């Protein structure tokens, strides 16, 4: 009985260690691609009001290599609010009809650090680029799409990116 317990414990430990994020670019650092240095990611809240986000610091988590910790600012209605959060990459797909084209998908979670009506951004990130650009630390088209939930319970649809979309509803996210 003791040996069966030890065998069960060993197998369950091995199997739980295997259940990890299988993002194929864990060995690369995507911080430079996400960092938008001098410009803002621009987008819209509820398809009407302009919303901007600038990531000032992006750091790869060495313990969880698919996770990136971010610090930045959000600009809305002429007000700047600090934000902190994380991006977790999950999947990579080849772009159909493209030799080097790839799509990277993940989740993001940002929190505004302010005393006045703070919000939480949650949603999906999508990067469309070439495999050669990912390996050379150059960005492709980056889009974030999700919701902004305020402390008072108000929820707004939100998207922002490093290029403008004519119809964000047609952009595929996973």
N, C-alpha and C. Protein backbone atom coordinates (compact mmCIF):
# COMPACT_ATOMS: atom_id res chain seq x y z
N UNK A 1 0.83 -1.20 0.00
CA UNK A 1 0.00 0.00 0.00
C UNK A 1 0.87 1.26 0.00
N UNK A 2 1.95 1.22 0.79
CA UNK A 2 2.87 2.35 0.87
C UNK A 2 3.50 2.62 -0.50
N UNK A 3 3.84 1.57 -1.22
CA UNK A 3 4.46 1.73 -2.53
C UNK A 3 3.48 2.29 -3.55
N UNK A 4 2.22 1.89 -3.46
CA UNK A 4 1.21 2.43 -4.36
C UNK A 4 1.01 3.93 -4.12
N UNK A 5 1.02 4.33 -2.86
CA UNK A 5 0.88 5.74 -2.53
C UNK A 5 2.06 6.54 -3.09
N UNK A 6 3.27 6.03 -2.94
CA UNK A 6 4.46 6.72 -3.45
C UNK A 6 4.41 6.78 -4.97
N UNK A 7 3.99 5.70 -5.61
CA UNK A 7 3.85 5.69 -7.06
C UNK A 7 2.80 6.70 -7.52
N UNK A 8 1.66 6.73 -6.86
CA UNK A 8 0.60 7.70 -7.17
C UNK A 8 1.10 9.13 -7.01
N UNK A 9 1.81 9.40 -5.92
CA UNK A 9 2.35 10.73 -5.66
C UNK A 9 3.35 11.13 -6.74
N UNK A 10 4.20 10.22 -7.14
CA UNK A 10 5.20 10.50 -8.18
C UNK A 10 4.56 10.79 -9.52
N UNK A 11 3.57 9.98 -9.90
CA UNK A 11 2.90 10.17 -11.19
C UNK A 11 2.11 11.47 -11.20
N UNK A 12 1.39 11.78 -10.13
CA UNK A 12 0.60 13.02 -10.10
C UNK A 12 1.50 14.24 -10.12
N UNK A 13 2.65 14.19 -9.45
CA UNK A 13 3.60 15.31 -9.48
C UNK A 13 4.14 15.50 -10.89
N UNK A 14 4.49 14.41 -11.56
CA UNK A 14 5.00 14.49 -12.92
C UNK A 14 3.95 15.08 -13.87
N UNK A 15 2.72 14.62 -13.77
CA UNK A 15 1.66 15.10 -14.65
C UNK A 15 1.33 16.56 -14.41
N UNK A 16 1.31 17.00 -13.16
CA UNK A 16 1.01 18.41 -12.88
C UNK A 16 2.13 19.30 -13.35
N UNK A 17 3.36 18.82 -13.36
CA UNK A 17 4.48 19.60 -13.86
C UNK A 17 4.40 19.76 -15.37
N UNK A 18 3.74 18.83 -16.05
CA UNK A 18 3.62 18.88 -17.50
C UNK A 18 2.53 19.86 -17.96
N UNK A 19 1.58 20.21 -17.10
CA UNK A 19 0.50 21.11 -17.45
C UNK A 19 1.00 22.55 -17.31
N UNK A 20 1.57 23.05 -18.38
CA UNK A 20 2.11 24.40 -18.39
C UNK A 20 1.68 25.07 -19.69
N UNK A 21 1.90 26.37 -19.73
CA UNK A 21 1.63 27.11 -20.94
C UNK A 21 2.62 26.66 -22.01
N UNK A 22 2.15 26.31 -23.18
CA UNK A 22 3.01 25.79 -24.23
C UNK A 22 3.37 26.86 -25.26
N UNK A 23 3.41 28.11 -24.87
CA UNK A 23 3.75 29.19 -25.79
C UNK A 23 5.16 28.97 -26.35
N UNK A 24 5.31 28.89 -27.68
CA UNK A 24 6.60 28.48 -28.26
C UNK A 24 7.72 29.51 -28.16
N UNK A 25 7.42 30.77 -27.86
CA UNK A 25 8.46 31.79 -27.81
C UNK A 25 8.85 32.14 -26.37
N UNK A 26 8.77 31.18 -25.47
CA UNK A 26 9.13 31.43 -24.08
C UNK A 26 10.61 31.79 -23.94
N UNK A 27 11.44 31.31 -24.85
CA UNK A 27 12.87 31.58 -24.75
C UNK A 27 13.25 32.94 -25.33
N UNK A 28 12.36 33.57 -26.07
CA UNK A 28 12.60 34.91 -26.59
C UNK A 28 12.01 35.94 -25.63
N UNK A 29 12.56 37.14 -25.67
CA UNK A 29 12.02 38.23 -24.85
C UNK A 29 11.27 39.19 -25.78
N UNK A 30 9.94 39.25 -25.62
CA UNK A 30 9.10 40.09 -26.47
C UNK A 30 8.89 41.49 -25.90
N UNK A 31 9.65 41.86 -24.88
CA UNK A 31 9.49 43.17 -24.22
C UNK A 31 9.62 44.33 -25.20
N UNK A 32 10.63 44.27 -26.07
CA UNK A 32 10.84 45.38 -27.02
C UNK A 32 9.68 45.52 -28.00
N UNK A 33 9.05 44.41 -28.39
CA UNK A 33 7.91 44.49 -29.30
C UNK A 33 6.72 45.19 -28.63
N UNK A 34 6.53 44.94 -27.33
CA UNK A 34 5.38 45.50 -26.62
C UNK A 34 5.59 46.95 -26.20
N UNK A 35 6.82 47.32 -25.95
CA UNK A 35 7.16 48.67 -25.48
C UNK A 35 6.94 49.67 -26.60
N UNK A 36 6.07 50.63 -26.40
CA UNK A 36 5.78 51.60 -27.45
C UNK A 36 6.43 52.95 -27.18
N UNK A 37 7.60 52.93 -26.61
CA UNK A 37 8.51 54.04 -26.32
C UNK A 37 7.90 55.45 -26.38
N UNK A 38 7.93 56.11 -27.53
CA UNK A 38 7.55 57.53 -27.62
C UNK A 38 6.11 57.77 -28.05
N UNK A 39 5.41 56.73 -28.43
CA UNK A 39 4.05 56.92 -28.93
C UNK A 39 3.06 56.14 -28.07
N UNK A 40 1.81 56.48 -28.20
CA UNK A 40 0.75 55.79 -27.48
C UNK A 40 0.11 54.74 -28.38
N UNK A 41 -0.36 53.65 -27.77
CA UNK A 41 -1.32 52.79 -28.44
C UNK A 41 -2.62 53.58 -28.42
N UNK A 42 -3.29 53.69 -29.56
CA UNK A 42 -4.53 54.46 -29.61
C UNK A 42 -5.70 53.57 -29.96
N UNK A 43 -6.86 53.90 -29.41
CA UNK A 43 -8.06 53.14 -29.69
C UNK A 43 -9.29 53.88 -29.24
N UNK A 44 -10.33 53.12 -28.92
CA UNK A 44 -11.60 53.73 -28.57
C UNK A 44 -12.27 53.01 -27.41
N UNK A 45 -13.04 53.79 -26.67
CA UNK A 45 -13.93 53.26 -25.64
C UNK A 45 -15.33 53.35 -26.21
N UNK A 46 -16.07 52.24 -26.18
CA UNK A 46 -17.45 52.19 -26.68
C UNK A 46 -17.58 52.73 -28.10
N UNK A 47 -16.58 52.50 -28.93
CA UNK A 47 -16.56 52.87 -30.36
C UNK A 47 -16.74 54.36 -30.62
N UNK A 48 -16.44 55.20 -29.63
CA UNK A 48 -16.63 56.63 -29.87
C UNK A 48 -15.54 57.50 -29.27
N UNK A 49 -15.15 57.28 -28.03
CA UNK A 49 -14.19 58.16 -27.37
C UNK A 49 -12.77 57.63 -27.51
N UNK A 50 -11.83 58.53 -27.79
CA UNK A 50 -10.43 58.15 -27.98
C UNK A 50 -9.79 57.78 -26.65
N UNK A 51 -9.05 56.68 -26.68
CA UNK A 51 -8.37 56.18 -25.49
C UNK A 51 -6.94 55.86 -25.89
N UNK A 52 -5.97 56.25 -25.06
CA UNK A 52 -4.56 56.01 -25.36
C UNK A 52 -3.87 55.34 -24.19
N UNK A 53 -2.94 54.44 -24.52
CA UNK A 53 -2.12 53.78 -23.49
C UNK A 53 -0.68 53.75 -23.96
N UNK A 54 0.21 54.06 -23.04
CA UNK A 54 1.64 54.01 -23.32
C UNK A 54 2.28 53.09 -22.29
N UNK A 55 2.94 52.03 -22.75
CA UNK A 55 3.65 51.12 -21.86
C UNK A 55 5.07 51.65 -21.69
N UNK A 56 5.40 52.05 -20.47
CA UNK A 56 6.71 52.65 -20.20
C UNK A 56 7.75 51.63 -19.78
N UNK A 57 7.28 50.49 -19.24
CA UNK A 57 8.18 49.44 -18.80
C UNK A 57 7.51 48.09 -19.05
N UNK A 58 8.23 47.20 -19.70
CA UNK A 58 7.75 45.84 -19.95
C UNK A 58 8.88 44.90 -19.55
N UNK A 59 8.60 44.01 -18.60
CA UNK A 59 9.62 43.11 -18.07
C UNK A 59 9.12 41.68 -18.15
N UNK A 60 9.95 40.82 -18.70
CA UNK A 60 9.63 39.40 -18.79
C UNK A 60 9.78 38.77 -17.41
N UNK A 61 8.80 37.97 -17.00
CA UNK A 61 8.84 37.26 -15.73
C UNK A 61 9.71 36.01 -15.92
N UNK A 62 10.83 35.95 -15.24
CA UNK A 62 11.76 34.83 -15.42
C UNK A 62 11.21 33.52 -14.87
N UNK A 63 10.31 33.59 -13.89
CA UNK A 63 9.71 32.38 -13.34
C UNK A 63 8.63 31.80 -14.25
N UNK A 64 7.93 32.68 -14.94
CA UNK A 64 6.88 32.28 -15.89
C UNK A 64 7.18 33.00 -17.21
N UNK A 65 7.98 32.40 -18.09
CA UNK A 65 8.49 33.11 -19.26
C UNK A 65 7.46 33.56 -20.29
N UNK A 66 6.21 33.10 -20.20
CA UNK A 66 5.18 33.58 -21.11
C UNK A 66 4.48 34.82 -20.55
N UNK A 67 4.87 35.25 -19.36
CA UNK A 67 4.22 36.37 -18.65
C UNK A 67 5.13 37.61 -18.67
N UNK A 68 4.52 38.77 -18.93
CA UNK A 68 5.23 40.04 -18.95
C UNK A 68 4.54 41.02 -17.99
N UNK A 69 5.33 41.67 -17.16
CA UNK A 69 4.82 42.67 -16.22
C UNK A 69 4.98 44.04 -16.87
N UNK A 70 3.91 44.85 -16.82
CA UNK A 70 3.93 46.14 -17.50
C UNK A 70 3.59 47.27 -16.54
N UNK A 71 4.17 48.43 -16.82
CA UNK A 71 3.87 49.68 -16.13
C UNK A 71 3.71 50.73 -17.21
N UNK A 72 2.70 51.58 -17.08
CA UNK A 72 2.49 52.59 -18.10
C UNK A 72 1.51 53.65 -17.65
N UNK A 73 0.99 54.39 -18.63
CA UNK A 73 0.00 55.43 -18.38
C UNK A 73 -1.13 55.30 -19.39
N UNK A 74 -2.32 55.68 -18.96
CA UNK A 74 -3.49 55.73 -19.83
C UNK A 74 -3.94 57.19 -19.92
N UNK A 75 -4.31 57.63 -21.11
CA UNK A 75 -4.81 58.99 -21.30
C UNK A 75 -6.23 58.93 -21.82
N UNK A 76 -7.12 59.60 -21.09
CA UNK A 76 -8.53 59.66 -21.47
C UNK A 76 -9.09 60.99 -21.01
N UNK A 77 -9.78 61.69 -21.87
CA UNK A 77 -10.35 63.01 -21.57
C UNK A 77 -9.30 63.98 -21.05
N UNK A 78 -8.09 63.91 -21.59
CA UNK A 78 -7.03 64.82 -21.19
C UNK A 78 -6.38 64.50 -19.86
N UNK A 79 -6.78 63.42 -19.21
CA UNK A 79 -6.21 63.04 -17.91
C UNK A 79 -5.30 61.83 -18.08
N UNK A 80 -4.17 61.86 -17.38
CA UNK A 80 -3.25 60.72 -17.38
C UNK A 80 -3.42 59.93 -16.09
N UNK A 81 -3.49 58.61 -16.20
CA UNK A 81 -3.58 57.74 -15.03
C UNK A 81 -2.51 56.66 -15.17
N UNK A 82 -1.79 56.40 -14.10
CA UNK A 82 -0.80 55.32 -14.11
C UNK A 82 -1.51 53.97 -14.10
N UNK A 83 -0.86 52.98 -14.70
CA UNK A 83 -1.42 51.63 -14.69
C UNK A 83 -0.31 50.61 -14.55
N UNK A 84 -0.69 49.46 -14.02
CA UNK A 84 0.22 48.32 -13.88
C UNK A 84 -0.56 47.06 -14.25
N UNK A 85 0.17 46.04 -14.67
CA UNK A 85 -0.52 44.80 -14.99
C UNK A 85 0.37 43.76 -15.59
N UNK A 86 -0.28 42.85 -16.33
CA UNK A 86 0.45 41.74 -16.92
C UNK A 86 -0.14 41.37 -18.27
N UNK A 87 0.72 40.77 -19.09
CA UNK A 87 0.32 40.17 -20.36
C UNK A 87 0.82 38.73 -20.30
N UNK A 88 -0.05 37.79 -20.63
CA UNK A 88 0.34 36.38 -20.65
C UNK A 88 0.06 35.83 -22.04
N UNK A 89 1.13 35.45 -22.74
CA UNK A 89 0.99 34.89 -24.07
C UNK A 89 0.64 33.42 -23.98
N UNK A 90 -0.21 32.98 -24.91
CA UNK A 90 -0.70 31.60 -24.85
C UNK A 90 -0.52 30.81 -26.12
N UNK A 91 -0.70 31.45 -27.28
CA UNK A 91 -0.74 30.68 -28.52
C UNK A 91 -0.03 31.39 -29.66
N UNK A 92 0.43 30.59 -30.61
CA UNK A 92 1.03 31.09 -31.85
C UNK A 92 0.41 30.31 -33.00
N UNK A 93 0.06 31.01 -34.06
CA UNK A 93 -0.48 30.38 -35.26
C UNK A 93 0.21 30.95 -36.49
N UNK A 94 0.34 30.14 -37.52
CA UNK A 94 0.84 30.61 -38.81
C UNK A 94 -0.29 31.35 -39.51
N UNK A 95 0.07 32.40 -40.25
CA UNK A 95 -0.91 33.13 -41.06
C UNK A 95 -1.05 32.40 -42.39
N UNK A 96 -2.27 32.10 -42.74
CA UNK A 96 -2.53 31.42 -44.01
C UNK A 96 -2.05 32.29 -45.16
N UNK A 97 -1.50 31.67 -46.17
CA UNK A 97 -1.02 32.34 -47.39
C UNK A 97 0.15 33.28 -47.12
N UNK A 98 0.94 33.01 -46.08
CA UNK A 98 2.11 33.82 -45.78
C UNK A 98 3.24 32.89 -45.34
N UNK A 99 4.42 33.09 -45.90
CA UNK A 99 5.55 32.22 -45.57
C UNK A 99 5.99 32.41 -44.13
N UNK A 100 6.22 33.66 -43.72
CA UNK A 100 6.73 33.94 -42.37
C UNK A 100 5.70 34.54 -41.43
N UNK A 101 4.48 34.78 -41.88
CA UNK A 101 3.48 35.46 -41.07
C UNK A 101 3.00 34.62 -39.90
N UNK A 102 2.92 35.24 -38.72
CA UNK A 102 2.44 34.55 -37.53
C UNK A 102 1.49 35.45 -36.75
N UNK A 103 0.64 34.83 -35.96
CA UNK A 103 -0.25 35.52 -35.02
C UNK A 103 0.08 35.01 -33.63
N UNK A 104 0.26 35.92 -32.68
CA UNK A 104 0.49 35.59 -31.29
C UNK A 104 -0.73 36.07 -30.51
N UNK A 105 -1.25 35.21 -29.63
CA UNK A 105 -2.43 35.55 -28.84
C UNK A 105 -2.14 35.39 -27.35
N UNK A 106 -2.79 36.23 -26.56
CA UNK A 106 -2.64 36.13 -25.11
C UNK A 106 -3.72 36.91 -24.40
N UNK A 107 -3.57 37.03 -23.10
CA UNK A 107 -4.50 37.77 -22.25
C UNK A 107 -3.77 38.93 -21.59
N UNK A 108 -4.51 39.99 -21.28
CA UNK A 108 -3.92 41.08 -20.52
C UNK A 108 -4.84 41.47 -19.37
N UNK A 109 -4.24 42.04 -18.36
CA UNK A 109 -4.96 42.52 -17.18
C UNK A 109 -4.19 43.72 -16.65
N UNK A 110 -4.75 44.92 -16.78
CA UNK A 110 -4.13 46.16 -16.32
C UNK A 110 -5.04 46.82 -15.28
N UNK A 111 -4.44 47.43 -14.27
CA UNK A 111 -5.21 48.17 -13.26
C UNK A 111 -4.70 49.61 -13.20
N UNK A 112 -5.65 50.55 -13.23
CA UNK A 112 -5.28 51.95 -13.07
C UNK A 112 -4.91 52.21 -11.63
N UNK A 113 -3.82 52.92 -11.42
CA UNK A 113 -3.34 53.26 -10.07
C UNK A 113 -3.67 54.73 -9.81
N UNK A 114 -4.89 54.97 -9.33
CA UNK A 114 -5.34 56.32 -9.07
C UNK A 114 -6.38 56.29 -7.96
N UNK A 115 -6.51 57.39 -7.24
CA UNK A 115 -7.53 57.49 -6.20
C UNK A 115 -8.89 57.84 -6.78
N UNK A 116 -8.88 58.46 -7.97
CA UNK A 116 -10.11 58.95 -8.58
C UNK A 116 -10.65 57.96 -9.61
N UNK A 117 -11.68 57.19 -9.26
CA UNK A 117 -12.39 56.29 -10.16
C UNK A 117 -11.46 55.34 -10.92
N UNK A 118 -10.70 54.47 -10.21
CA UNK A 118 -9.80 53.54 -10.90
C UNK A 118 -10.57 52.48 -11.67
N UNK A 119 -9.93 51.96 -12.72
CA UNK A 119 -10.55 50.92 -13.53
C UNK A 119 -9.61 49.75 -13.73
N UNK A 120 -10.19 48.66 -14.21
CA UNK A 120 -9.42 47.46 -14.52
C UNK A 120 -9.68 47.09 -15.97
N UNK A 121 -8.62 46.91 -16.75
CA UNK A 121 -8.72 46.49 -18.13
C UNK A 121 -8.45 45.00 -18.19
N UNK A 122 -9.32 44.25 -18.81
CA UNK A 122 -9.06 42.83 -19.03
C UNK A 122 -9.45 42.50 -20.46
N UNK A 123 -8.72 41.58 -21.06
CA UNK A 123 -9.06 41.21 -22.42
C UNK A 123 -7.98 40.41 -23.09
N UNK A 124 -7.96 40.52 -24.41
CA UNK A 124 -7.07 39.73 -25.26
C UNK A 124 -6.09 40.64 -25.99
N UNK A 125 -4.89 40.10 -26.22
CA UNK A 125 -3.89 40.78 -27.04
C UNK A 125 -3.64 39.92 -28.27
N UNK A 126 -3.39 40.61 -29.38
CA UNK A 126 -3.13 39.93 -30.66
C UNK A 126 -1.97 40.66 -31.32
N UNK A 127 -0.96 39.90 -31.73
CA UNK A 127 0.16 40.47 -32.48
C UNK A 127 0.23 39.75 -33.82
N UNK A 128 0.20 40.52 -34.90
CA UNK A 128 0.40 39.95 -36.23
C UNK A 128 1.72 40.47 -36.74
N UNK A 129 2.63 39.56 -37.05
CA UNK A 129 3.98 39.95 -37.44
C UNK A 129 4.60 38.85 -38.29
N UNK A 130 5.85 39.01 -38.63
CA UNK A 130 6.62 37.98 -39.31
C UNK A 130 7.50 37.29 -38.30
N UNK A 131 7.74 36.01 -38.49
CA UNK A 131 8.58 35.25 -37.56
C UNK A 131 9.98 35.86 -37.46
N UNK A 132 10.48 36.40 -38.57
CA UNK A 132 11.81 37.01 -38.54
C UNK A 132 11.83 38.28 -37.69
N UNK A 133 10.71 39.04 -37.68
CA UNK A 133 10.65 40.25 -36.86
C UNK A 133 10.60 39.92 -35.37
N UNK A 134 9.89 38.86 -34.98
CA UNK A 134 9.82 38.46 -33.58
C UNK A 134 11.21 38.14 -33.07
N UNK A 135 11.97 37.44 -33.86
CA UNK A 135 13.31 37.03 -33.45
C UNK A 135 14.30 38.20 -33.47
N UNK A 136 13.97 39.29 -34.15
CA UNK A 136 14.88 40.45 -34.20
C UNK A 136 14.40 41.60 -33.32
N UNK A 137 13.39 41.35 -32.48
CA UNK A 137 12.86 42.34 -31.52
C UNK A 137 12.16 43.52 -32.17
N UNK A 138 11.59 43.34 -33.35
CA UNK A 138 10.83 44.41 -33.98
C UNK A 138 9.35 44.08 -33.91
N UNK A 139 8.53 45.11 -33.74
CA UNK A 139 7.09 44.90 -33.56
C UNK A 139 6.36 44.74 -34.88
N UNK A 140 5.23 44.11 -34.80
CA UNK A 140 4.29 44.04 -35.90
C UNK A 140 3.06 44.83 -35.51
N UNK A 141 1.90 44.40 -35.98
CA UNK A 141 0.64 45.04 -35.60
C UNK A 141 0.16 44.45 -34.27
N UNK A 142 0.03 45.31 -33.27
CA UNK A 142 -0.36 44.88 -31.92
C UNK A 142 -1.72 45.50 -31.60
N UNK A 143 -2.66 44.64 -31.17
CA UNK A 143 -4.00 45.11 -30.83
C UNK A 143 -4.44 44.48 -29.51
N UNK A 144 -5.01 45.32 -28.65
CA UNK A 144 -5.60 44.88 -27.39
C UNK A 144 -7.11 45.10 -27.50
N UNK A 145 -7.91 44.14 -27.03
CA UNK A 145 -9.36 44.30 -27.06
C UNK A 145 -9.94 43.69 -25.79
N UNK A 146 -10.83 44.44 -25.14
CA UNK A 146 -11.42 43.90 -23.92
C UNK A 146 -12.42 44.86 -23.31
N UNK A 147 -12.46 44.86 -21.99
CA UNK A 147 -13.39 45.72 -21.26
C UNK A 147 -12.64 46.52 -20.21
N UNK A 148 -13.19 47.68 -19.93
CA UNK A 148 -12.72 48.55 -18.86
C UNK A 148 -13.82 48.58 -17.81
N UNK A 149 -13.54 48.02 -16.65
CA UNK A 149 -14.53 47.99 -15.58
C UNK A 149 -14.13 48.98 -14.50
N UNK A 150 -15.02 49.92 -14.23
CA UNK A 150 -14.77 50.93 -13.20
C UNK A 150 -15.20 50.41 -11.83
N UNK A 151 -14.72 51.07 -10.81
CA UNK A 151 -15.03 50.67 -9.43
C UNK A 151 -16.52 50.75 -9.13
N UNK A 152 -17.23 51.65 -9.81
CA UNK A 152 -18.67 51.80 -9.58
C UNK A 152 -19.50 50.75 -10.32
N UNK A 153 -18.84 49.82 -11.05
CA UNK A 153 -19.55 48.75 -11.76
C UNK A 153 -19.79 49.03 -13.23
N UNK A 154 -19.51 50.26 -13.68
CA UNK A 154 -19.69 50.60 -15.09
C UNK A 154 -18.68 49.82 -15.94
N UNK A 155 -19.16 49.25 -17.05
CA UNK A 155 -18.30 48.47 -17.93
C UNK A 155 -18.35 49.07 -19.32
N UNK A 156 -17.17 49.33 -19.89
CA UNK A 156 -17.05 49.89 -21.23
C UNK A 156 -16.27 48.93 -22.12
N UNK A 157 -16.66 48.85 -23.40
CA UNK A 157 -15.89 48.11 -24.39
C UNK A 157 -14.68 48.96 -24.77
N UNK A 158 -13.53 48.31 -24.92
CA UNK A 158 -12.29 49.05 -25.13
C UNK A 158 -11.39 48.30 -26.11
N UNK A 159 -10.72 49.03 -26.96
CA UNK A 159 -9.65 48.46 -27.76
C UNK A 159 -8.61 49.54 -27.98
N UNK A 160 -7.38 49.12 -28.18
CA UNK A 160 -6.31 50.03 -28.53
C UNK A 160 -5.20 49.24 -29.21
N UNK A 161 -4.42 49.92 -30.05
CA UNK A 161 -3.37 49.24 -30.79
C UNK A 161 -2.36 50.21 -31.36
N UNK A 162 -1.35 49.67 -32.06
CA UNK A 162 -0.33 50.54 -32.65
C UNK A 162 -0.65 50.90 -34.10
N UNK A 163 -1.86 50.61 -34.55
CA UNK A 163 -2.38 51.10 -35.82
C UNK A 163 -3.89 51.15 -35.70
N UNK A 164 -4.55 51.90 -36.56
CA UNK A 164 -5.99 52.11 -36.43
C UNK A 164 -6.76 51.06 -37.22
N UNK A 165 -7.80 50.52 -36.63
CA UNK A 165 -8.68 49.55 -37.29
C UNK A 165 -9.92 50.27 -37.80
N UNK A 166 -10.33 49.93 -39.01
CA UNK A 166 -11.58 50.49 -39.53
C UNK A 166 -12.79 49.85 -38.87
N UNK A 167 -12.69 48.55 -38.55
CA UNK A 167 -13.79 47.85 -37.89
C UNK A 167 -13.19 46.80 -36.95
N UNK A 168 -13.05 47.15 -35.68
CA UNK A 168 -12.41 46.27 -34.70
C UNK A 168 -13.17 44.96 -34.54
N UNK A 169 -14.46 44.95 -34.84
CA UNK A 169 -15.25 43.72 -34.70
C UNK A 169 -14.84 42.64 -35.70
N UNK A 170 -14.14 43.02 -36.76
CA UNK A 170 -13.69 42.05 -37.75
C UNK A 170 -12.32 41.45 -37.43
N UNK A 171 -11.66 41.98 -36.41
CA UNK A 171 -10.34 41.46 -36.02
C UNK A 171 -10.54 40.22 -35.15
N UNK A 172 -9.86 39.15 -35.50
CA UNK A 172 -10.02 37.87 -34.81
C UNK A 172 -9.12 37.81 -33.59
N UNK A 173 -9.71 37.46 -32.46
CA UNK A 173 -8.97 37.25 -31.21
C UNK A 173 -9.28 35.85 -30.72
N UNK A 174 -8.33 35.24 -29.99
CA UNK A 174 -8.52 33.91 -29.41
C UNK A 174 -8.45 34.00 -27.92
